[in-house]
Protein backbone atom coordinates (compact mmCIF):
# COMPACT_ATOMS: atom_id res chain seq x y z
CA UNK A 1 30.64 23.03 -1.70
CA UNK A 2 28.93 24.98 -4.45
CA UNK A 3 25.34 24.80 -4.61
CA UNK A 4 24.32 23.43 -8.29
CA UNK A 5 21.82 25.34 -10.21
CA UNK A 6 21.15 22.63 -12.46
CA UNK A 7 20.33 19.16 -12.77
CA UNK A 8 22.87 16.56 -14.32
CA UNK A 9 21.69 14.67 -17.23
CA UNK A 10 21.25 11.59 -15.14
CA UNK A 11 18.92 13.28 -12.92
CA UNK A 12 17.12 15.11 -16.05
CA UNK A 13 16.53 11.29 -17.44
CA UNK A 14 15.11 9.83 -14.34
CA UNK A 15 12.61 12.66 -14.03
CA UNK A 16 11.91 12.09 -17.71
CA UNK A 17 11.18 8.34 -16.67
CA UNK A 18 8.88 9.28 -13.81
CA UNK A 19 7.01 11.64 -15.98
CA UNK A 20 6.51 9.00 -18.65
CA UNK A 21 5.23 6.65 -16.26
CA UNK A 22 2.58 9.12 -14.73
CA UNK A 23 1.55 10.16 -18.25
CA UNK A 24 1.12 6.57 -19.66
CA UNK A 25 -0.84 5.56 -16.55
CA UNK A 26 -3.06 8.50 -16.80
CA UNK A 27 -3.63 7.83 -20.24
CA UNK A 28 -4.40 4.27 -19.88
CA UNK A 29 -6.71 5.04 -17.23
CA UNK A 30 -8.66 8.27 -18.31
CA UNK A 31 -8.25 7.65 -22.17
CA UNK A 32 -7.94 4.06 -23.55
CA UNK A 33 -9.73 2.58 -20.90
CA UNK A 34 -12.77 4.43 -22.06
CA UNK A 35 -12.21 3.88 -25.75
CA UNK A 36 -14.70 1.58 -27.28
CA UNK A 37 -12.15 -0.13 -29.25
CA UNK A 38 -9.41 -0.51 -26.62
CA UNK A 39 -11.32 -0.50 -23.57
CA UNK A 40 -12.30 -3.93 -23.58
CA UNK A 41 -8.70 -4.91 -24.15
CA UNK A 42 -7.05 -2.74 -22.09
CA UNK A 43 -5.02 -5.51 -20.04
CA UNK A 44 -3.57 -6.63 -23.28
CA UNK A 45 -2.83 -3.05 -24.48
CA UNK A 46 -0.99 -2.28 -21.01
CA UNK A 47 0.84 -5.53 -21.40
CA UNK A 48 1.83 -4.35 -24.85
CA UNK A 49 2.99 -1.08 -23.65
CA UNK A 50 5.00 -2.38 -20.76
CA UNK A 51 6.61 -4.84 -23.18
CA UNK A 52 7.48 -1.91 -25.46
CA UNK A 53 9.02 0.19 -22.68
CA UNK A 54 9.92 -1.67 -19.77
CA UNK A 55 12.37 0.92 -18.43
CA UNK A 56 9.55 2.97 -17.53
CA UNK A 57 7.65 0.35 -15.35
CA UNK A 58 11.13 -0.65 -13.75
CA UNK A 59 11.34 3.38 -13.01
CA UNK A 60 7.80 2.90 -11.21
CA UNK A 61 8.84 -0.18 -9.31
CA UNK A 62 11.99 1.84 -8.03
CA UNK A 63 9.86 4.67 -7.21
CA UNK A 64 7.70 2.78 -4.94
CA UNK A 65 10.67 1.32 -3.03
CA UNK A 66 12.04 4.91 -2.60
CA UNK A 67 9.03 6.21 -1.58
CA UNK A 68 8.65 3.26 1.23
CA UNK A 69 12.53 3.65 2.16
CA UNK A 70 11.97 7.60 2.26
CA UNK A 71 8.94 7.38 4.29
CA UNK A 72 10.60 5.34 6.85
CA UNK A 73 13.42 7.58 7.20
CA UNK A 74 11.41 10.92 7.66
CA UNK A 75 9.06 9.50 10.18
CA UNK A 76 12.00 8.11 12.27
CA UNK A 77 13.97 11.44 12.05
CA UNK A 78 10.69 13.55 12.69
CA UNK A 79 9.92 11.30 15.65
CA UNK A 80 13.31 11.70 17.07
CA UNK A 81 13.51 15.28 16.50
CA UNK A 82 10.04 15.68 18.04
CA UNK A 83 11.01 13.69 21.15
CA UNK A 84 14.25 15.80 21.75
């Protein structure tokens, strides 16, 4: 099988969703939460963003599931490899 040198369109879209998630979270925590007008209403502001771009938050939930599953797999594989 030849090694690919590029990501598929779907892979790039997945990466973009995760990038969106990290940027949105960072902006909410480090910019908007500190804003004198938005800060006091940050929960409502975040709910509005969640409603406007739900796919970003769904991607975040899927990322957390994937991380947990991947961690279990790597932990098991590395322990088995170490014990051989």
